[in-house]
Structures are given as C-alpha cells and as structure tokens.
Amino acid sequence: MVLRGADCMAIVHPRWHSHRDIRTFDMFYTYILQSKKNGSYYVGSCKNLDERLKLHNQGLVPSTKRYLPWQRVHSEEFTSLKEARRRELQIKSWKKRTVIEKLINTGP
C-alpha cells in the first residue's frame, strides 16, 4: 500500500501495523508554471511544490518575479532530485510552446 502526502510517499507493508513500521521517502518534482499576467511558461524542479510556488508568487525567484502571479499547470513526481532535474532539462530542451502545451494537456 502506498500513502501519498504533500512532501513524501510512505510504503506500508500489509503485515505492518504500528506507525514505527512506516517507511517514508522524499519525493521530488518537475513542474510547469504559467504566468497569469502574460501566459508564459516556467519549467523547474524542487522538493516541495507548494512552498516553491509560494516563492515564485512572492517575487523571490528572480527569473519569474516580472510575470506574477503564477499557477501550476503540470507536475511530475520522482524519487530523486537528479531524475527531476533531468526531466526539467528535457522539457526545457523542447523549446516549442506547442510541445509543452501538449504535455500539459495530455500528461507525461
């Protein structure tokens, strides 16, 4: 059985009953934001999606502060930051807006 929370995933073996038997794993994310101001996209990766979006919308991320506010339009979950960053770079390499919009509309 897999339990998912805001920042982690827990795997619970069916025979385990006590809380001490829950194993948790950090999860990492690749995300796409869209500016509500001009419709542009921003692709990034992080450990905590909600906190990262707050930073973007508070103007604390230099590359996005001009186009506030932002909304998350897509995200993918990974078990390592290396995998999340690899996916971020892959999406950024596409360059074409239509390809990114296809991902947003259909999923990975």
C-alpha atoms as a PDB file:
ATOM      1  CA  MET A   1       0.000   0.000   0.000  1.00  0.00           C
ATOM      2  CA  VAL A   2       1.326   3.493  -0.842  1.00  0.00           C
ATOM      3  CA  LEU A   3       0.316   6.612   1.104  1.00  0.00           C
ATOM      4  CA  ARG A   4       0.986   9.976  -0.508  1.00  0.00           C
ATOM      5  CA  GLY A   5       1.353  13.263   1.317  1.00  0.00           C
ATOM      6  CA  ALA A   6       2.444  16.771   0.375  1.00  0.00           C
ATOM      7  CA  ASP A   7       6.176  16.081   0.567  1.00  0.00           C
ATOM      8  CA  CYS A   8       6.636  12.353   0.739  1.00  0.00           C
ATOM      9  CA  MET A   9       5.376   8.926  -0.059  1.00  0.00           C
ATOM     10  CA  ALA A  10       5.090   6.155   2.520  1.00  0.00           C
ATOM     11  CA  ILE A  11       5.154   2.465   1.752  1.00  0.00           C
ATOM     12  CA  VAL A  12       3.282   0.334   4.259  1.00  0.00           C
ATOM     13  CA  HIS A  13       3.665  -3.403   4.179  1.00  0.00           C
ATOM     14  CA  PRO A  14       0.270  -5.151   4.629  1.00  0.00           C
ATOM     15  CA  ARG A  15       1.585  -7.072   7.677  1.00  0.00           C
ATOM     16  CA  TRP A  16       2.946  -3.952   9.408  1.00  0.00           C
ATOM     17  CA  HIS A  17       0.561  -2.401  11.906  1.00  0.00           C
ATOM     18  CA  SER A  18       2.420   0.113  14.024  1.00  0.00           C
ATOM     19  CA  HIS A  19       3.454   3.622  12.985  1.00  0.00           C
ATOM     20  CA  ARG A  20       7.130   2.777  13.517  1.00  0.00           C
ATOM     21  CA  ASP A  21       6.921   0.326  10.596  1.00  0.00           C
ATOM     22  CA  ILE A  22       6.047   3.012   8.027  1.00  0.00           C
ATOM     23  CA  ARG A  23       8.923   3.815   5.697  1.00  0.00           C
ATOM     24  CA  THR A  24       8.877   7.296   4.170  1.00  0.00           C
ATOM     25  CA  PHE A  25      10.704   8.557   1.128  1.00  0.00           C
ATOM     26  CA  ASP A  26      11.301  12.112  -0.024  1.00  0.00           C
ATOM     27  CA  MET A  27       9.745  12.887  -3.373  1.00  0.00           C
ATOM     28  CA  PHE A  28      10.976  15.411  -5.914  1.00  0.00           C
ATOM     29  CA  TYR A  29       9.066  17.179  -8.643  1.00  0.00           C
ATOM     30  CA  THR A  30       9.407  18.692 -12.069  1.00  0.00           C
ATOM     31  CA  TYR A  31       6.776  21.359 -12.605  1.00  0.00           C
ATOM     32  CA  ILE A  32       5.484  23.800 -15.185  1.00  0.00           C
ATOM     33  CA  LEU A  33       4.066  27.146 -14.137  1.00  0.00           C
ATOM     34  CA  GLN A  34       2.067  29.508 -16.310  1.00  0.00           C
ATOM     35  CA  SER A  35       2.012  33.248 -15.781  1.00  0.00           C
ATOM     36  CA  LYS A  36      -1.473  34.685 -15.330  1.00  0.00           C
ATOM     37  CA  LYS A  37      -0.037  38.016 -16.485  1.00  0.00           C
ATOM     38  CA  ASN A  38       1.181  37.048 -19.958  1.00  0.00           C
ATOM     39  CA  GLY A  39       0.661  33.277 -20.382  1.00  0.00           C
ATOM     40  CA  SER A  40       4.369  32.411 -20.487  1.00  0.00           C
ATOM     41  CA  TYR A  41       5.661  29.137 -19.057  1.00  0.00           C
ATOM     42  CA  TYR A  42       8.360  28.407 -16.494  1.00  0.00           C
ATOM     43  CA  VAL A  43       9.822  24.910 -16.007  1.00  0.00           C
ATOM     44  CA  GLY A  44      11.549  23.972 -12.763  1.00  0.00           C
ATOM     45  CA  SER A  45      12.220  21.208 -10.247  1.00  0.00           C
ATOM     46  CA  CYS A  46      12.038  21.107  -6.455  1.00  0.00           C
ATOM     47  CA  LYS A  47      11.318  19.062  -3.354  1.00  0.00           C
ATOM     48  CA  ASN A  48       8.223  20.924  -2.097  1.00  0.00           C
ATOM     49  CA  LEU A  49       5.802  22.096  -4.799  1.00  0.00           C
ATOM     50  CA  ASP A  50       3.594  24.244  -2.589  1.00  0.00           C
ATOM     51  CA  GLU A  51       6.499  26.097  -0.991  1.00  0.00           C
ATOM     52  CA  ARG A  52       8.192  26.619  -4.344  1.00  0.00           C
ATOM     53  CA  LEU A  53       5.024  28.090  -5.869  1.00  0.00           C
ATOM     54  CA  LYS A  54       4.763  30.461  -2.892  1.00  0.00           C
ATOM     55  CA  LEU A  55       8.335  31.632  -3.509  1.00  0.00           C
ATOM     56  CA  HIS A  56       7.545  32.282  -7.161  1.00  0.00           C
ATOM     57  CA  ASN A  57       4.375  34.220  -6.313  1.00  0.00           C
ATOM     58  CA  GLN A  58       6.091  36.268  -3.597  1.00  0.00           C
ATOM     59  CA  GLY A  59       8.576  37.523  -6.198  1.00  0.00           C
ATOM     60  CA  LEU A  60      11.515  35.769  -4.532  1.00  0.00           C
ATOM     61  CA  VAL A  61      12.629  33.906  -7.681  1.00  0.00           C
ATOM     62  CA  PRO A  62      14.486  36.390  -9.913  1.00  0.00           C
ATOM     63  CA  SER A  63      13.610  34.701 -13.205  1.00  0.00           C
ATOM     64  CA  THR A  64       9.844  34.770 -12.567  1.00  0.00           C
ATOM     65  CA  LYS A  65       9.194  37.894 -10.498  1.00  0.00           C
ATOM     66  CA  ARG A  66       8.316  40.084 -13.508  1.00  0.00           C
ATOM     67  CA  TYR A  67       5.373  37.934 -14.570  1.00  0.00           C
ATOM     68  CA  LEU A  68       3.415  37.431 -11.317  1.00  0.00           C
ATOM     69  CA  PRO A  69       1.169  35.698 -10.485  1.00  0.00           C
ATOM     70  CA  TRP A  70       1.931  32.101 -11.458  1.00  0.00           C
ATOM     71  CA  GLN A  71      -0.190  28.960 -11.408  1.00  0.00           C
ATOM     72  CA  ARG A  72       0.977  25.350 -11.574  1.00  0.00           C
ATOM     73  CA  VAL A  73      -0.318  23.699 -14.741  1.00  0.00           C
ATOM     74  CA  HIS A  74       1.682  20.460 -14.679  1.00  0.00           C
ATOM     75  CA  SER A  75       3.858  18.429 -12.316  1.00  0.00           C
ATOM     76  CA  GLU A  76       5.587  15.048 -12.281  1.00  0.00           C
ATOM     77  CA  GLU A  77       6.884  13.097  -9.287  1.00  0.00           C
ATOM     78  CA  PHE A  78      10.322  11.468  -8.965  1.00  0.00           C
ATOM     79  CA  THR A  79      12.236   9.591  -6.275  1.00  0.00           C
ATOM     80  CA  SER A  80      15.446  11.613  -6.718  1.00  0.00           C
ATOM     81  CA  LEU A  81      16.328  15.215  -7.421  1.00  0.00           C
ATOM     82  CA  LYS A  82      18.654  14.005 -10.187  1.00  0.00           C
ATOM     83  CA  GLU A  83      15.704  12.442 -12.047  1.00  0.00           C
ATOM     84  CA  ALA A  84      13.555  15.554 -11.554  1.00  0.00           C
ATOM     85  CA  ARG A  85      16.321  17.823 -12.863  1.00  0.00           C
ATOM     86  CA  ARG A  86      16.936  15.526 -15.828  1.00  0.00           C
ATOM     87  CA  ARG A  87      13.242  15.786 -16.745  1.00  0.00           C
ATOM     88  CA  GLU A  88      13.328  19.576 -16.246  1.00  0.00           C
ATOM     89  CA  LEU A  89      16.222  19.864 -18.697  1.00  0.00           C
ATOM     90  CA  GLN A  90      14.461  17.578 -21.167  1.00  0.00           C
ATOM     91  CA  ILE A  91      11.321  19.730 -21.139  1.00  0.00           C
ATOM     92  CA  LYS A  92      13.392  22.926 -21.423  1.00  0.00           C
ATOM     93  CA  SER A  93      15.210  21.478 -24.444  1.00  0.00           C
ATOM     94  CA  TRP A  94      11.959  21.183 -26.394  1.00  0.00           C
ATOM     95  CA  LYS A  95      11.765  24.982 -26.827  1.00  0.00           C
ATOM     96  CA  LYS A  96       8.464  24.880 -28.717  1.00  0.00           C
ATOM     97  CA  ARG A  97       5.439  26.112 -26.818  1.00  0.00           C
ATOM     98  CA  THR A  98       3.170  23.650 -28.644  1.00  0.00           C
ATOM     99  CA  VAL A  99       5.128  20.650 -27.342  1.00  0.00           C
ATOM    100  CA  ILE A 100       4.951  21.934 -23.759  1.00  0.00           C
ATOM    101  CA  GLU A 101       1.220  22.593 -24.134  1.00  0.00           C
ATOM    102  CA  LYS A 102       0.719  19.048 -25.432  1.00  0.00           C
ATOM    103  CA  LEU A 103       2.441  17.710 -22.294  1.00  0.00           C
ATOM    104  CA  ILE A 104       0.242  19.907 -20.096  1.00  0.00           C
ATOM    105  CA  ASN A 105      -2.928  18.766 -21.854  1.00  0.00           C
ATOM    106  CA  THR A 106      -2.156  15.046 -22.085  1.00  0.00           C
ATOM    107  CA  GLY A 107       0.299  14.297 -19.264  1.00  0.00           C
ATOM    108  CA  PRO A 108       3.691  12.549 -19.410  1.00  0.00           C
END
